[in-house]
């Protein structure tokens, strides 16, 4: 609210200025709508959240190929990326940039996620 308050104007004119921006070209470019997903994945790794989930929620005898944390985080990241139901996991499964941001070869499909739930 402070930013749009007309009484809180510092005299800057014009309002739209050109900040210092760097543009880089690469051979291959990818983009995803949930741009912060990679940072969230780094936080999960640094805090040991996946390990905690696997220890605290032992559902499987074998991880073939998914662990408990893979399932839980898959659903959480789906919500983070704007998904509102398990079926939206199919969109994530087919998004190469999304999978790359998570460092995942593949993620559980909606039916597998539903079975886990």
Protein backbone atom coordinates (compact mmCIF):
# COMPACT_ATOMS: atom_id res chain seq x y z
CA UNK A 1 0.00 0.00 0.00
CA UNK A 2 2.92 2.33 0.73
CA UNK A 3 4.19 2.04 -2.83
CA UNK A 4 0.88 3.12 -4.36
CA UNK A 5 0.16 5.87 -1.80
CA UNK A 6 0.12 9.17 -3.75
CA UNK A 7 1.42 11.01 -0.70
CA UNK A 8 4.50 8.80 -0.64
CA UNK A 9 6.18 10.18 -3.75
CA UNK A 10 9.88 10.98 -3.66
CA UNK A 11 9.81 13.23 -6.70
CA UNK A 12 11.13 10.59 -9.09
CA UNK A 13 10.19 11.28 -12.67
CA UNK A 14 9.86 9.41 -14.92
CA UNK A 15 8.68 6.44 -12.85
CA UNK A 16 9.71 3.83 -15.37
CA UNK A 17 13.47 3.92 -15.57
CA UNK A 18 15.84 1.49 -17.18
CA UNK A 19 17.65 -0.51 -14.51
CA UNK A 20 20.90 -2.26 -15.24
CA UNK A 21 19.94 -5.51 -16.91
CA UNK A 22 22.20 -8.17 -18.38
CA UNK A 23 21.10 -10.34 -21.22
CA UNK A 24 22.94 -13.51 -22.10
CA UNK A 25 22.55 -15.79 -25.05
CA UNK A 26 22.87 -19.54 -24.73
CA UNK A 27 22.59 -22.41 -27.14
CA UNK A 28 19.60 -23.78 -25.28
CA UNK A 29 17.12 -21.76 -23.28
CA UNK A 30 14.40 -23.05 -20.99
CA UNK A 31 11.82 -21.26 -18.91
CA UNK A 32 9.10 -22.28 -16.52
CA UNK A 33 6.24 -20.37 -14.95
CA UNK A 34 7.21 -21.57 -11.46
CA UNK A 35 10.63 -19.96 -11.59
CA UNK A 36 11.29 -20.35 -7.86
CA UNK A 37 10.94 -24.13 -7.97
CA UNK A 38 14.69 -24.62 -8.35
CA UNK A 39 15.35 -22.52 -5.25
CA UNK A 40 12.72 -24.49 -3.34
CA UNK A 41 14.43 -27.73 -4.40
CA UNK A 42 17.79 -26.37 -3.20
CA UNK A 43 16.23 -25.52 0.15
CA UNK A 44 14.81 -29.04 0.44
CA UNK A 45 18.26 -30.47 -0.20
CA UNK A 46 20.14 -28.11 2.11
CA UNK A 47 17.72 -28.61 5.00
CA UNK A 48 17.60 -32.39 4.57
CA UNK A 49 13.83 -32.36 4.18
CA UNK A 50 13.75 -35.36 1.84
CA UNK A 51 15.79 -37.43 4.29
CA UNK A 52 13.46 -36.42 7.13
CA UNK A 53 10.40 -37.41 5.10
CA UNK A 54 11.91 -40.78 4.23
CA UNK A 55 12.81 -41.46 7.88
CA UNK A 56 9.52 -40.24 9.30
CA UNK A 57 7.21 -41.83 6.74
CA UNK A 58 8.49 -45.35 5.96
CA UNK A 59 5.84 -46.61 3.56
CA UNK A 60 7.92 -48.64 1.09
CA UNK A 61 10.18 -51.61 1.66
CA UNK A 62 12.00 -50.75 -1.58
CA UNK A 63 12.31 -47.49 -3.50
CA UNK A 64 11.63 -48.55 -7.08
CA UNK A 65 12.24 -45.92 -8.33
CA UNK A 66 10.50 -43.37 -6.08
CA UNK A 67 11.06 -42.75 -2.39
CA UNK A 68 8.41 -41.44 0.00
CA UNK A 69 9.99 -37.98 -0.27
CA UNK A 70 9.71 -38.14 -4.06
CA UNK A 71 5.95 -38.60 -3.72
CA UNK A 72 5.42 -35.99 -1.02
CA UNK A 73 7.62 -33.37 -2.69
CA UNK A 74 6.13 -34.13 -6.11
CA UNK A 75 2.70 -33.18 -4.78
CA UNK A 76 4.04 -30.13 -2.92
CA UNK A 77 5.95 -28.88 -5.96
CA UNK A 78 2.87 -29.43 -8.12
CA UNK A 79 0.97 -27.02 -5.86
CA UNK A 80 3.95 -24.63 -5.93
CA UNK A 81 3.79 -24.69 -9.74
CA UNK A 82 0.09 -23.82 -9.77
CA UNK A 83 -1.40 -27.31 -9.85
CA UNK A 84 -4.72 -27.73 -8.09
CA UNK A 85 -5.19 -31.48 -8.43
CA UNK A 86 -3.17 -34.65 -8.96
CA UNK A 87 -4.06 -34.67 -12.65
CA UNK A 88 -1.92 -31.56 -13.09
CA UNK A 89 1.11 -33.74 -12.37
CA UNK A 90 0.80 -34.94 -15.96
CA UNK A 91 1.57 -31.39 -17.14
CA UNK A 92 4.68 -31.36 -14.93
CA UNK A 93 5.79 -34.80 -16.15
CA UNK A 94 5.89 -33.51 -19.71
CA UNK A 95 7.64 -30.21 -18.94
CA UNK A 96 11.35 -30.68 -19.60
CA UNK A 97 12.30 -27.34 -18.05
CA UNK A 98 10.36 -28.19 -14.87
CA UNK A 99 12.07 -31.58 -14.57
CA UNK A 100 15.47 -29.97 -15.18
CA UNK A 101 14.80 -27.37 -12.48
CA UNK A 102 14.13 -30.21 -10.03
CA UNK A 103 17.05 -32.28 -11.26
CA UNK A 104 14.61 -35.11 -11.94
CA UNK A 105 14.75 -37.66 -14.72
CA UNK A 106 11.04 -38.26 -14.18
CA UNK A 107 8.36 -37.77 -11.52
CA UNK A 108 5.44 -39.98 -10.43
CA UNK A 109 2.38 -39.82 -12.66
CA UNK A 110 -1.02 -38.83 -11.27
CA UNK A 111 -2.22 -42.40 -10.75
CA UNK A 112 0.96 -43.40 -8.92
CA UNK A 113 0.68 -40.27 -6.78
CA UNK A 114 -2.95 -41.15 -6.04
CA UNK A 115 -1.96 -44.68 -5.03
CA UNK A 116 0.65 -43.24 -2.69
CA UNK A 117 -1.92 -40.95 -1.08
